PDB file of N, CA and C in Angstrom:
ATOM      1  N   MET A   1     -98.559  48.902  23.583  1.00  0.00           N
ATOM      2  CA  MET A   1     -98.196  47.516  23.392  1.00  0.00           C
ATOM      3  C   MET A   1     -97.453  47.348  22.069  1.00  0.00           C
ATOM      4  N   PHE A   2     -97.938  47.976  21.025  1.00  0.00           N
ATOM      5  CA  PHE A   2     -97.279  47.887  19.731  1.00  0.00           C
ATOM      6  C   PHE A   2     -95.874  48.477  19.812  1.00  0.00           C
ATOM      7  N   ILE A   3     -95.728  49.552  20.589  1.00  0.00           N
ATOM      8  CA  ILE A   3     -94.416  50.199  20.714  1.00  0.00           C
ATOM      9  C   ILE A   3     -93.427  49.251  21.399  1.00  0.00           C
ATOM     10  N   GLU A   4     -93.877  48.529  22.450  1.00  0.00           N
ATOM     11  CA  GLU A   4     -92.988  47.576  23.108  1.00  0.00           C
ATOM     12  C   GLU A   4     -92.566  46.464  22.150  1.00  0.00           C
ATOM     13  N   PHE A   5     -93.507  46.016  21.315  1.00  0.00           N
ATOM     14  CA  PHE A   5     -93.206  44.976  20.335  1.00  0.00           C
ATOM     15  C   PHE A   5     -92.145  45.454  19.355  1.00  0.00           C
ATOM     16  N   VAL A   6     -92.319  46.681  18.854  1.00  0.00           N
ATOM     17  CA  VAL A   6     -91.352  47.239  17.897  1.00  0.00           C
ATOM     18  C   VAL A   6     -89.993  47.396  18.566  1.00  0.00           C
ATOM     19  N   ALA A   7     -89.990  47.857  19.810  1.00  0.00           N
ATOM     20  CA  ALA A   7     -88.719  48.028  20.516  1.00  0.00           C
ATOM     21  C   ALA A   7     -88.022  46.688  20.704  1.00  0.00           C
ATOM     22  N   ALA A   8     -88.785  45.660  21.082  1.00  0.00           N
ATOM     23  CA  ALA A   8     -88.195  44.332  21.273  1.00  0.00           C
ATOM     24  C   ALA A   8     -87.676  43.768  19.962  1.00  0.00           C
ATOM     25  N   ALA A   9     -88.421  43.956  18.893  1.00  0.00           N
ATOM     26  CA  ALA A   9     -88.000  43.467  17.580  1.00  0.00           C
ATOM     27  C   ALA A   9     -86.745  44.194  17.119  1.00  0.00           C
ATOM     28  N   THR A  10     -86.678  45.474  17.376  1.00  0.00           N
ATOM     29  CA  THR A  10     -85.501  46.252  16.977  1.00  0.00           C
ATOM     30  C   THR A  10     -84.259  45.760  17.720  1.00  0.00           C
ATOM     31  N   LEU A  11     -84.403  45.520  19.021  1.00  0.00           N
ATOM     32  CA  LEU A  11     -83.273  45.004  19.795  1.00  0.00           C
ATOM     33  C   LEU A  11     -82.850  43.625  19.307  1.00  0.00           C
ATOM     34  N   ALA A  12     -83.819  42.788  18.987  1.00  0.00           N
ATOM     35  CA  ALA A  12     -83.509  41.430  18.527  1.00  0.00           C
ATOM     36  C   ALA A  12     -82.785  41.437  17.200  1.00  0.00           C
ATOM     37  N   LEU A  13     -83.104  42.404  16.362  1.00  0.00           N
ATOM     38  CA  LEU A  13     -82.504  42.458  15.029  1.00  0.00           C
ATOM     39  C   LEU A  13     -81.242  43.303  14.976  1.00  0.00           C
ATOM     40  N   ALA A  14     -80.938  44.012  16.048  1.00  0.00           N
ATOM     41  CA  ALA A  14     -79.754  44.868  16.064  1.00  0.00           C
ATOM     42  C   ALA A  14     -78.500  44.012  15.997  1.00  0.00           C
ATOM     43  N   PRO A  15     -77.466  44.528  15.328  1.00  0.00           N
ATOM     44  CA  PRO A  15     -76.214  43.770  15.273  1.00  0.00           C
ATOM     45  C   PRO A  15     -75.650  43.570  16.679  1.00  0.00           C
ATOM     46  N   ALA A  16     -75.071  42.428  16.892  1.00  0.00           N
ATOM     47  CA  ALA A  16     -74.495  42.117  18.199  1.00  0.00           C
ATOM     48  C   ALA A  16     -73.264  42.966  18.428  1.00  0.00           C
ATOM     49  N   SER A  17     -73.093  43.411  19.660  1.00  0.00           N
ATOM     50  CA  SER A  17     -71.896  44.176  19.992  1.00  0.00           C
ATOM     51  C   SER A  17     -70.698  43.235  19.959  1.00  0.00           C
ATOM     52  N   ALA A  18     -69.529  43.809  19.785  1.00  0.00           N
ATOM     53  CA  ALA A  18     -68.311  43.008  19.753  1.00  0.00           C
ATOM     54  C   ALA A  18     -68.134  42.264  21.074  1.00  0.00           C
ATOM     55  N   ASP A  19     -68.513  42.906  22.176  1.00  0.00           N
ATOM     56  CA  ASP A  19     -68.393  42.281  23.485  1.00  0.00           C
ATOM     57  C   ASP A  19     -69.307  41.054  23.586  1.00  0.00           C
ATOM     58  N   ARG A  20     -70.558  41.179  23.117  1.00  0.00           N
ATOM     59  CA  ARG A  20     -71.496  40.055  23.158  1.00  0.00           C
ATOM     60  C   ARG A  20     -71.023  38.906  22.281  1.00  0.00           C
ATOM     61  N   VAL A  21     -70.489  39.231  21.122  1.00  0.00           N
ATOM     62  CA  VAL A  21     -69.983  38.198  20.214  1.00  0.00           C
ATOM     63  C   VAL A  21     -68.806  37.464  20.862  1.00  0.00           C
ATOM     64  N   GLU A  22     -67.899  38.208  21.480  1.00  0.00           N
ATOM     65  CA  GLU A  22     -66.729  37.603  22.119  1.00  0.00           C
ATOM     66  C   GLU A  22     -67.141  36.703  23.284  1.00  0.00           C
ATOM     67  N   ARG A  23     -68.084  37.152  24.107  1.00  0.00           N
ATOM     68  CA  ARG A  23     -68.574  36.330  25.215  1.00  0.00           C
ATOM     69  C   ARG A  23     -69.233  35.059  24.697  1.00  0.00           C
ATOM     70  N   ALA A  24     -70.017  35.161  23.655  1.00  0.00           N
ATOM     71  CA  ALA A  24     -70.705  33.988  23.093  1.00  0.00           C
ATOM     72  C   ALA A  24     -69.708  32.992  22.529  1.00  0.00           C
ATOM     73  N   ARG A  25     -68.634  33.501  21.945  1.00  0.00           N
ATOM     74  CA  ARG A  25     -67.630  32.614  21.360  1.00  0.00           C
ATOM     75  C   ARG A  25     -66.928  31.784  22.432  1.00  0.00           C
ATOM     76  N   HIS A  26     -66.758  32.342  23.619  1.00  0.00           N
ATOM     77  CA  HIS A  26     -66.059  31.634  24.687  1.00  0.00           C
ATOM     78  C   HIS A  26     -67.000  30.905  25.636  1.00  0.00           C
ATOM     79  N   HIS A  27     -68.294  31.053  25.420  1.00  0.00           N
ATOM     80  CA  HIS A  27     -69.266  30.360  26.264  1.00  0.00           C
ATOM     81  C   HIS A  27     -69.385  28.914  25.792  1.00  0.00           C
ATOM     82  N   HIS A  28     -69.289  27.987  26.735  1.00  0.00           N
ATOM     83  CA  HIS A  28     -69.394  26.576  26.399  1.00  0.00           C
ATOM     84  C   HIS A  28     -70.785  26.090  26.739  1.00  0.00           C
ATOM     85  N   HIS A  29     -71.331  25.289  25.893  1.00  0.00           N
ATOM     86  CA  HIS A  29     -72.652  24.727  26.127  1.00  0.00           C
ATOM     87  C   HIS A  29     -72.594  23.803  27.340  1.00  0.00           C
ATOM     88  N   PRO A  30     -73.562  23.899  28.271  1.00  0.00           N
ATOM     89  CA  PRO A  30     -73.530  23.066  29.474  1.00  0.00           C
ATOM     90  C   PRO A  30     -73.487  21.568  29.184  1.00  0.00           C
ATOM     91  N   ALA A  31     -74.186  21.108  28.162  1.00  0.00           N
ATOM     92  CA  ALA A  31     -74.175  19.672  27.841  1.00  0.00           C
ATOM     93  C   ALA A  31     -72.783  19.232  27.394  1.00  0.00           C
ATOM     94  N   ALA A  32     -72.101  20.076  26.639  1.00  0.00           N
ATOM     95  CA  ALA A  32     -70.745  19.741  26.197  1.00  0.00           C
ATOM     96  C   ALA A  32     -69.806  19.668  27.402  1.00  0.00           C
ATOM     97  N   HIS A  33     -69.986  20.582  28.346  1.00  0.00           N
ATOM     98  CA  HIS A  33     -69.161  20.569  29.558  1.00  0.00           C
ATOM     99  C   HIS A  33     -69.433  19.297  30.369  1.00  0.00           C
ATOM    100  N   ALA A  34     -70.700  18.920  30.500  1.00  0.00           N
ATOM    101  CA  ALA A  34     -71.055  17.711  31.256  1.00  0.00           C
ATOM    102  C   ALA A  34     -70.439  16.481  30.605  1.00  0.00           C
ATOM    103  N   ALA A  35     -70.459  16.419  29.274  1.00  0.00           N
ATOM    104  CA  ALA A  35     -69.874  15.275  28.568  1.00  0.00           C
ATOM    105  C   ALA A  35     -68.363  15.216  28.799  1.00  0.00           C
ATOM    106  N   ARG A  36     -67.699  16.379  28.745  1.00  0.00           N
ATOM    107  CA  ARG A  36     -66.253  16.414  29.003  1.00  0.00           C
ATOM    108  C   ARG A  36     -65.969  15.953  30.425  1.00  0.00           C
ATOM    109  N   THR A  37     -66.739  16.433  31.376  1.00  0.00           N
ATOM    110  CA  THR A  37     -66.535  16.068  32.771  1.00  0.00           C
ATOM    111  C   THR A  37     -66.757  14.571  32.974  1.00  0.00           C
ATOM    112  N   ARG A  38     -67.809  14.019  32.382  1.00  0.00           N
ATOM    113  CA  ARG A  38     -68.082  12.591  32.509  1.00  0.00           C
ATOM    114  C   ARG A  38     -66.954  11.774  31.884  1.00  0.00           C
ATOM    115  N   TRP A  39     -66.458  12.211  30.733  1.00  0.00           N
ATOM    116  CA  TRP A  39     -65.357  11.490  30.095  1.00  0.00           C
ATOM    117  C   TRP A  39     -64.125  11.505  30.989  1.00  0.00           C
ATOM    118  N   GLN A  40     -63.867  12.611  31.671  1.00  0.00           N
ATOM    119  CA  GLN A  40     -62.718  12.677  32.571  1.00  0.00           C
ATOM    120  C   GLN A  40     -62.856  11.664  33.709  1.00  0.00           C
ATOM    121  N   VAL A  41     -64.075  11.433  34.176  1.00  0.00           N
ATOM    122  CA  VAL A  41     -64.317  10.447  35.228  1.00  0.00           C
ATOM    123  C   VAL A  41     -64.163   9.033  34.673  1.00  0.00           C
ATOM    124  N   VAL A  42     -64.705   8.787  33.488  1.00  0.00           N
ATOM    125  CA  VAL A  42     -64.744   7.444  32.896  1.00  0.00           C
ATOM    126  C   VAL A  42     -63.398   7.001  32.344  1.00  0.00           C
ATOM    127  N   ARG A  43     -62.643   7.919  31.805  1.00  0.00           N
ATOM    128  CA  ARG A  43     -61.427   7.574  31.050  1.00  0.00           C
ATOM    129  C   ARG A  43     -60.498   6.564  31.731  1.00  0.00           C
ATOM    130  N   PRO A  44     -60.176   6.719  33.018  1.00  0.00           N
ATOM    131  CA  PRO A  44     -59.259   5.741  33.633  1.00  0.00           C
ATOM    132  C   PRO A  44     -59.836   4.321  33.710  1.00  0.00           C
ATOM    133  N   TYR A  45     -61.146   4.197  33.612  1.00  0.00           N
ATOM    134  CA  TYR A  45     -61.809   2.900  33.753  1.00  0.00           C
ATOM    135  C   TYR A  45     -62.362   2.373  32.431  1.00  0.00           C
ATOM    136  N   TYR A  46     -62.115   3.087  31.349  1.00  0.00           N
ATOM    137  CA  TYR A  46     -62.741   2.788  30.065  1.00  0.00           C
ATOM    138  C   TYR A  46     -62.510   1.337  29.613  1.00  0.00           C
ATOM    139  N   GLY A  47     -61.288   0.873  29.632  1.00  0.00           N
ATOM    140  CA  GLY A  47     -60.985  -0.492  29.191  1.00  0.00           C
ATOM    141  C   GLY A  47     -61.710  -1.533  30.029  1.00  0.00           C
ATOM    142  N   LYS A  48     -61.693  -1.343  31.330  1.00  0.00           N
ATOM    143  CA  LYS A  48     -62.387  -2.258  32.236  1.00  0.00           C
ATOM    144  C   LYS A  48     -63.885  -2.264  31.954  1.00  0.00           C
ATOM    145  N   LEU A  49     -64.474  -1.087  31.783  1.00  0.00           N
ATOM    146  CA  LEU A  49     -65.913  -0.991  31.523  1.00  0.00           C
ATOM    147  C   LEU A  49     -66.287  -1.624  30.187  1.00  0.00           C
ATOM    148  N   MET A  50     -65.436  -1.488  29.201  1.00  0.00           N
ATOM    149  CA  MET A  50     -65.709  -2.123  27.903  1.00  0.00           C
ATOM    150  C   MET A  50     -65.654  -3.644  28.033  1.00  0.00           C
ATOM    151  N   ARG A  51     -64.720  -4.163  28.836  1.00  0.00           N
ATOM    152  CA  ARG A  51     -64.662  -5.610  29.068  1.00  0.00           C
ATOM    153  C   ARG A  51     -65.914  -6.094  29.801  1.00  0.00           C
ATOM    154  N   ILE A  52     -66.350  -5.332  30.791  1.00  0.00           N
ATOM    155  CA  ILE A  52     -67.575  -5.707  31.513  1.00  0.00           C
ATOM    156  C   ILE A  52     -68.762  -5.701  30.557  1.00  0.00           C
ATOM    157  N   ALA A  53     -68.870  -4.661  29.740  1.00  0.00           N
ATOM    158  CA  ALA A  53     -69.998  -4.562  28.796  1.00  0.00           C
ATOM    159  C   ALA A  53     -69.952  -5.686  27.768  1.00  0.00           C
ATOM    160  N   SER A  54     -68.765  -6.065  27.325  1.00  0.00           N
ATOM    161  CA  SER A  54     -68.648  -7.186  26.380  1.00  0.00           C
ATOM    162  C   SER A  54     -69.179  -8.460  27.012  1.00  0.00           C
ATOM    163  N   CYS A  55     -68.824  -8.686  28.251  1.00  0.00           N
ATOM    164  CA  CYS A  55     -69.245  -9.882  28.974  1.00  0.00           C
ATOM    165  C   CYS A  55     -70.737  -9.836  29.297  1.00  0.00           C
ATOM    166  N   GLU A  56     -71.221  -8.710  29.777  1.00  0.00           N
ATOM    167  CA  GLU A  56     -72.609  -8.594  30.236  1.00  0.00           C
ATOM    168  C   GLU A  56     -73.619  -8.579  29.090  1.00  0.00           C
ATOM    169  N   SER A  57     -73.312  -7.836  28.020  1.00  0.00           N
ATOM    170  CA  SER A  57     -74.343  -7.585  27.003  1.00  0.00           C
ATOM    171  C   SER A  57     -73.841  -7.646  25.565  1.00  0.00           C
ATOM    172  N   GLY A  58     -72.589  -8.036  25.381  1.00  0.00           N
ATOM    173  CA  GLY A  58     -72.028  -7.954  24.031  1.00  0.00           C
ATOM    174  C   GLY A  58     -71.918  -6.517  23.553  1.00  0.00           C
ATOM    175  N   GLN A  59     -71.750  -5.592  24.490  1.00  0.00           N
ATOM    176  CA  GLN A  59     -71.669  -4.150  24.232  1.00  0.00           C
ATOM    177  C   GLN A  59     -72.917  -3.613  23.532  1.00  0.00           C
ATOM    178  N   ARG A  60     -74.055  -4.178  23.864  1.00  0.00           N
ATOM    179  CA  ARG A  60     -75.328  -3.653  23.344  1.00  0.00           C
ATOM    180  C   ARG A  60     -75.888  -2.701  24.399  1.00  0.00           C
ATOM    181  N   TRP A  61     -75.661  -1.423  24.193  1.00  0.00           N
ATOM    182  CA  TRP A  61     -75.926  -0.398  25.191  1.00  0.00           C
ATOM    183  C   TRP A  61     -77.415  -0.111  25.370  1.00  0.00           C
ATOM    184  N   HIS A  62     -78.250  -0.476  24.426  1.00  0.00           N
ATOM    185  CA  HIS A  62     -79.683  -0.196  24.520  1.00  0.00           C
ATOM    186  C   HIS A  62     -80.498  -1.451  24.803  1.00  0.00           C
ATOM    187  N   ILE A  63     -79.865  -2.470  25.352  1.00  0.00           N
ATOM    188  CA  ILE A  63     -80.519  -3.751  25.567  1.00  0.00           C
ATOM    189  C   ILE A  63     -81.448  -3.715  26.796  1.00  0.00           C
ATOM    190  N   ALA A  64     -82.610  -4.315  26.631  1.00  0.00           N
ATOM    191  CA  ALA A  64     -83.565  -4.519  27.727  1.00  0.00           C
ATOM    192  C   ALA A  64     -84.266  -5.836  27.418  1.00  0.00           C
ATOM    193  N   THR A  65     -83.804  -6.911  28.020  1.00  0.00           N
ATOM    194  CA  THR A  65     -84.303  -8.244  27.653  1.00  0.00           C
ATOM    195  C   THR A  65     -85.457  -8.720  28.522  1.00  0.00           C
ATOM    196  N   GLY A  66     -85.825  -7.921  29.534  1.00  0.00           N
ATOM    197  CA  GLY A  66     -86.924  -8.322  30.398  1.00  0.00           C
ATOM    198  C   GLY A  66     -86.492  -9.125  31.612  1.00  0.00           C
ATOM    199  N   ASN A  67     -85.198  -9.218  31.846  1.00  0.00           N
ATOM    200  CA  ASN A  67     -84.704  -9.998  32.988  1.00  0.00           C
ATOM    201  C   ASN A  67     -84.417  -9.140  34.220  1.00  0.00           C
ATOM    202  N   GLY A  68     -84.768  -7.846  34.157  1.00  0.00           N
ATOM    203  CA  GLY A  68     -84.530  -6.957  35.297  1.00  0.00           C
ATOM    204  C   GLY A  68     -83.204  -6.229  35.255  1.00  0.00           C
ATOM    205  N   PHE A  69     -82.420  -6.444  34.195  1.00  0.00           N
ATOM    206  CA  PHE A  69     -81.134  -5.769  34.011  1.00  0.00           C
ATOM    207  C   PHE A  69     -81.183  -5.011  32.694  1.00  0.00           C
ATOM    208  N   TYR A  70     -80.556  -3.818  32.672  1.00  0.00           N
ATOM    209  CA  TYR A  70     -80.728  -2.922  31.527  1.00  0.00           C
ATOM    210  C   TYR A  70     -79.400  -2.306  31.093  1.00  0.00           C
ATOM    211  N   GLY A  71     -79.276  -2.095  29.788  1.00  0.00           N
ATOM    212  CA  GLY A  71     -78.139  -1.387  29.224  1.00  0.00           C
ATOM    213  C   GLY A  71     -76.921  -2.264  29.053  1.00  0.00           C
ATOM    214  N   GLY A  72     -75.884  -1.643  28.546  1.00  0.00           N
ATOM    215  CA  GLY A  72     -74.656  -2.359  28.247  1.00  0.00           C
ATOM    216  C   GLY A  72     -73.969  -2.943  29.462  1.00  0.00           C
ATOM    217  N   LEU A  73     -74.180  -2.322  30.611  1.00  0.00           N
ATOM    218  CA  LEU A  73     -73.547  -2.794  31.834  1.00  0.00           C
ATOM    219  C   LEU A  73     -74.527  -3.517  32.748  1.00  0.00           C
ATOM    220  N   GLN A  74     -75.729  -3.751  32.246  1.00  0.00           N
ATOM    221  CA  GLN A  74     -76.755  -4.546  32.930  1.00  0.00           C
ATOM    222  C   GLN A  74     -77.036  -4.056  34.347  1.00  0.00           C
ATOM    223  N   PHE A  75     -77.421  -2.792  34.441  1.00  0.00           N
ATOM    224  CA  PHE A  75     -77.828  -2.202  35.712  1.00  0.00           C
ATOM    225  C   PHE A  75     -79.197  -2.713  36.126  1.00  0.00           C
ATOM    226  N   THR A  76     -79.428  -2.818  37.431  1.00  0.00           N
ATOM    227  CA  THR A  76     -80.800  -2.898  37.932  1.00  0.00           C
ATOM    228  C   THR A  76     -81.272  -1.448  38.066  1.00  0.00           C
ATOM    229  N   VAL A  77     -82.565  -1.259  38.064  1.00  0.00           N
ATOM    230  CA  VAL A  77     -83.089   0.099  38.199  1.00  0.00           C
ATOM    231  C   VAL A  77     -82.678   0.691  39.551  1.00  0.00           C
ATOM    232  N   GLY A  78     -82.689  -0.113  40.604  1.00  0.00           N
ATOM    233  CA  GLY A  78     -82.300   0.377  41.923  1.00  0.00           C
ATOM    234  C   GLY A  78     -80.868   0.864  41.978  1.00  0.00           C
ATOM    235  N   THR A  79     -79.963   0.109  41.397  1.00  0.00           N
ATOM    236  CA  THR A  79     -78.550   0.523  41.377  1.00  0.00           C
ATOM    237  C   THR A  79     -78.386   1.784  40.552  1.00  0.00           C
ATOM    238  N   TRP A  80     -79.031   1.822  39.387  1.00  0.00           N
ATOM    239  CA  TRP A  80     -78.965   2.983  38.499  1.00  0.00           C
ATOM    240  C   TRP A  80     -79.392   4.248  39.247  1.00  0.00           C
ATOM    241  N   ARG A  81     -80.512   4.170  39.911  1.00  0.00           N
ATOM    242  CA  ARG A  81     -81.039   5.348  40.603  1.00  0.00           C
ATOM    243  C   ARG A  81     -80.219   5.699  41.840  1.00  0.00           C
ATOM    244  N   SER A  82     -79.585   4.710  42.453  1.00  0.00           N
ATOM    245  CA  SER A  82     -78.785   4.970  43.658  1.00  0.00           C
ATOM    246  C   SER A  82     -77.560   5.826  43.367  1.00  0.00           C
ATOM    247  N   VAL A  83     -77.158   5.888  42.111  1.00  0.00           N
ATOM    248  CA  VAL A  83     -76.012   6.720  41.732  1.00  0.00           C
ATOM    249  C   VAL A  83     -76.442   7.901  40.862  1.00  0.00           C
ATOM    250  N   GLY A  84     -77.714   8.281  41.001  1.00  0.00           N
ATOM    251  CA  GLY A  84     -78.189   9.494  40.344  1.00  0.00           C
ATOM    252  C   GLY A  84     -78.745   9.314  38.953  1.00  0.00           C
ATOM    253  N   GLY A  85     -78.828   8.082  38.465  1.00  0.00           N
ATOM    254  CA  GLY A  85     -79.386   7.866  37.139  1.00  0.00           C
ATOM    255  C   GLY A  85     -80.875   8.157  37.123  1.00  0.00           C
ATOM    256  N   ARG A  86     -81.346   8.699  36.017  1.00  0.00           N
ATOM    257  CA  ARG A  86     -82.769   8.996  35.852  1.00  0.00           C
ATOM    258  C   ARG A  86     -83.317   8.143  34.735  1.00  0.00           C
ATOM    259  N   GLY A  87     -84.591   7.872  34.804  1.00  0.00           N
ATOM    260  CA  GLY A  87     -85.200   7.043  33.770  1.00  0.00           C
ATOM    261  C   GLY A  87     -84.640   5.629  33.843  1.00  0.00           C
ATOM    262  N   MET A  88     -84.524   5.024  32.684  1.00  0.00           N
ATOM    263  CA  MET A  88     -84.024   3.653  32.594  1.00  0.00           C
ATOM    264  C   MET A  88     -82.608   3.664  32.029  1.00  0.00           C
ATOM    265  N   PRO A  89     -81.744   2.779  32.518  1.00  0.00           N
ATOM    266  CA  PRO A  89     -80.344   2.781  32.068  1.00  0.00           C
ATOM    267  C   PRO A  89     -80.188   2.662  30.550  1.00  0.00           C
ATOM    268  N   HIS A  90     -80.965   1.799  29.921  1.00  0.00           N
ATOM    269  CA  HIS A  90     -80.797   1.559  28.485  1.00  0.00           C
ATOM    270  C   HIS A  90     -81.286   2.716  27.616  1.00  0.00           C
ATOM    271  N   TRP A  91     -81.901   3.721  28.198  1.00  0.00           N
ATOM    272  CA  TRP A  91     -82.309   4.912  27.452  1.00  0.00           C
ATOM    273  C   TRP A  91     -81.146   5.882  27.275  1.00  0.00           C
ATOM    274  N   HIS A  92     -80.056   5.650  27.974  1.00  0.00           N
ATOM    275  CA  HIS A  92     -78.963   6.617  28.014  1.00  0.00           C
ATOM    276  C   HIS A  92     -77.771   6.171  27.167  1.00  0.00           C
ATOM    277  N   THR A  93     -76.888   7.109  26.923  1.00  0.00           N
ATOM    278  CA  THR A  93     -75.710   6.860  26.092  1.00  0.00           C
ATOM    279  C   THR A  93     -74.735   5.925  26.800  1.00  0.00           C
ATOM    280  N   ARG A  94     -73.828   5.401  26.017  1.00  0.00           N
ATOM    281  CA  ARG A  94     -72.755   4.568  26.567  1.00  0.00           C
ATOM    282  C   ARG A  94     -71.966   5.351  27.615  1.00  0.00           C
ATOM    283  N   LEU A  95     -71.647   6.613  27.320  1.00  0.00           N
ATOM    284  CA  LEU A  95     -70.882   7.426  28.264  1.00  0.00           C
ATOM    285  C   LEU A  95     -71.635   7.590  29.579  1.00  0.00           C
ATOM    286  N   GLU A  96     -72.923   7.859  29.518  1.00  0.00           N
ATOM    287  CA  GLU A  96     -73.698   8.024  30.751  1.00  0.00           C
ATOM    288  C   GLU A  96     -73.739   6.727  31.553  1.00  0.00           C
ATOM    289  N   GLN A  97     -73.916   5.601  30.880  1.00  0.00           N
ATOM    290  CA  GLN A  97     -73.922   4.318  31.570  1.00  0.00           C
ATOM    291  C   GLN A  97     -72.567   4.044  32.218  1.00  0.00           C
ATOM    292  N   MET A  98     -71.510   4.345  31.507  1.00  0.00           N
ATOM    293  CA  MET A  98     -70.170   4.148  32.065  1.00  0.00           C
ATOM    294  C   MET A  98     -69.932   5.067  33.263  1.00  0.00           C
ATOM    295  N   TYR A  99     -70.364   6.292  33.145  1.00  0.00           N
ATOM    296  CA  TYR A  99     -70.206   7.252  34.243  1.00  0.00           C
ATOM    297  C   TYR A  99     -70.907   6.736  35.500  1.00  0.00           C
ATOM    298  N   ARG A 100     -72.124   6.248  35.349  1.00  0.00           N
ATOM    299  CA  ARG A 100     -72.870   5.726  36.502  1.00  0.00           C
ATOM    300  C   ARG A 100     -72.189   4.471  37.066  1.00  0.00           C
ATOM    301  N   ALA A 101     -71.616   3.652  36.210  1.00  0.00           N
ATOM    302  CA  ALA A 101     -70.900   2.454  36.682  1.00  0.00           C
ATOM    303  C   ALA A 101     -69.666   2.847  37.498  1.00  0.00           C
ATOM    304  N   VAL A 102     -68.962   3.864  37.068  1.00  0.00           N
ATOM    305  CA  VAL A 102     -67.800   4.331  37.839  1.00  0.00           C
ATOM    306  C   VAL A 102     -68.257   4.835  39.202  1.00  0.00           C
ATOM    307  N   ARG A 103     -69.389   5.511  39.239  1.00  0.00           N
ATOM    308  CA  ARG A 103     -69.913   5.971  40.529  1.00  0.00           C
ATOM    309  C   ARG A 103     -70.228   4.786  41.439  1.00  0.00           C
ATOM    310  N   VAL A 104     -70.787   3.713  40.869  1.00  0.00           N
ATOM    311  CA  VAL A 104     -71.033   2.497  41.656  1.00  0.00           C
ATOM    312  C   VAL A 104     -69.709   1.949  42.191  1.00  0.00           C
ATOM    313  N   PHE A 105     -68.725   1.838  41.297  1.00  0.00           N
ATOM    314  CA  PHE A 105     -67.407   1.314  41.684  1.00  0.00           C
ATOM    315  C   PHE A 105     -66.775   2.157  42.792  1.00  0.00           C
ATOM    316  N   LEU A 106     -66.802   3.471  42.641  1.00  0.00           N
ATOM    317  CA  LEU A 106     -66.168   4.347  43.628  1.00  0.00           C
ATOM    318  C   LEU A 106     -66.896   4.285  44.971  1.00  0.00           C
ATOM    319  N   ARG A 107     -68.192   4.127  44.944  1.00  0.00           N
ATOM    320  CA  ARG A 107     -68.955   4.022  46.191  1.00  0.00           C
ATOM    321  C   ARG A 107     -68.632   2.725  46.923  1.00  0.00           C
ATOM    322  N   ARG A 108     -68.551   1.631  46.175  1.00  0.00           N
ATOM    323  CA  ARG A 108     -68.347   0.314  46.783  1.00  0.00           C
ATOM    324  C   ARG A 108     -66.863   0.007  46.993  1.00  0.00           C
ATOM    325  N   GLY A 109     -66.027   0.523  46.097  1.00  0.00           N
ATOM    326  CA  GLY A 109     -64.599   0.236  46.193  1.00  0.00           C
ATOM    327  C   GLY A 109     -64.202  -1.052  45.495  1.00  0.00           C
ATOM    328  N   SER A 110     -65.136  -1.635  44.756  1.00  0.00           N
ATOM    329  CA  SER A 110     -64.839  -2.866  44.017  1.00  0.00           C
ATOM    330  C   SER A 110     -65.830  -3.001  42.859  1.00  0.00           C
ATOM    331  N   TRP A 111     -65.604  -4.019  42.046  1.00  0.00           N
ATOM    332  CA  TRP A 111     -66.497  -4.317  40.916  1.00  0.00           C
ATOM    333  C   TRP A 111     -67.534  -5.375  41.312  1.00  0.00           C
ATOM    334  N   ALA A 112     -67.822  -5.513  42.605  1.00  0.00           N
ATOM    335  CA  ALA A 112     -68.704  -6.559  43.108  1.00  0.00           C
ATOM    336  C   ALA A 112     -70.132  -6.489  42.559  1.00  0.00           C
ATOM    337  N   ASP A 113     -70.551  -5.348  42.078  1.00  0.00           N
ATOM    338  CA  ASP A 113     -71.892  -5.265  41.479  1.00  0.00           C
ATOM    339  C   ASP A 113     -71.955  -6.024  40.156  1.00  0.00           C
ATOM    340  N   TRP A 114     -70.808  -6.400  39.642  1.00  0.00           N
ATOM    341  CA  TRP A 114     -70.710  -7.257  38.455  1.00  0.00           C
ATOM    342  C   TRP A 114     -69.912  -8.493  38.885  1.00  0.00           C
ATOM    343  N   PRO A 115     -70.559  -9.417  39.608  1.00  0.00           N
ATOM    344  CA  PRO A 115     -69.827 -10.497  40.283  1.00  0.00           C
ATOM    345  C   PRO A 115     -69.067 -11.442  39.361  1.00  0.00           C
ATOM    346  N   VAL A 116     -69.487 -11.604  38.131  1.00  0.00           N
ATOM    347  CA  VAL A 116     -68.735 -12.442  37.192  1.00  0.00           C
ATOM    348  C   VAL A 116     -67.911 -11.562  36.269  1.00  0.00           C
ATOM    349  N   CYS A 117     -68.573 -10.716  35.545  1.00  0.00           N
ATOM    350  CA  CYS A 117     -67.887  -9.918  34.513  1.00  0.00           C
ATOM    351  C   CYS A 117     -66.961  -8.837  35.087  1.00  0.00           C
ATOM    352  N   GLY A 118     -67.187  -8.423  36.313  1.00  0.00           N
ATOM    353  CA  GLY A 118     -66.350  -7.391  36.919  1.00  0.00           C
ATOM    354  C   GLY A 118     -64.961  -7.855  37.264  1.00  0.00           C
ATOM    355  N   TYR A 119     -64.748  -9.156  37.215  1.00  0.00           N
ATOM    356  CA  TYR A 119     -63.435  -9.690  37.574  1.00  0.00           C
ATOM    357  C   TYR A 119     -62.743 -10.355  36.409  1.00  0.00           C
ATOM    358  N   ARG A 120     -63.114  -9.972  35.203  1.00  0.00           N
ATOM    359  CA  ARG A 120     -62.459 -10.494  34.004  1.00  0.00           C
ATOM    360  C   ARG A 120     -61.488  -9.508  33.462  1.00  0.00           C
TER     361      ARG A 120
END
């Protein structure tokens, strides 16, 4: 058992091979990739979503006033979860909320889930 420990410690402390270093340098963190992908989805709708958020919540992305609507875009929990959202909308970043709103828009084909602010 001690020998396995020493062998593992030796491997952990050994200098990285040039190949391993090169692979690590080009490896992208999955969260960074997800953020880039979400931004690519949100970008064409960004101005519209900011206008909706201004109207709905004053762009307060972490708002939960107790009225059954949450976050900057005032999602209901049912709508949030119907497009893959987890937890509560106001727990998530502005980008995540916008991404989920675009999914709602693309599913419905309109901004009808925001009956007043979606048409400003």
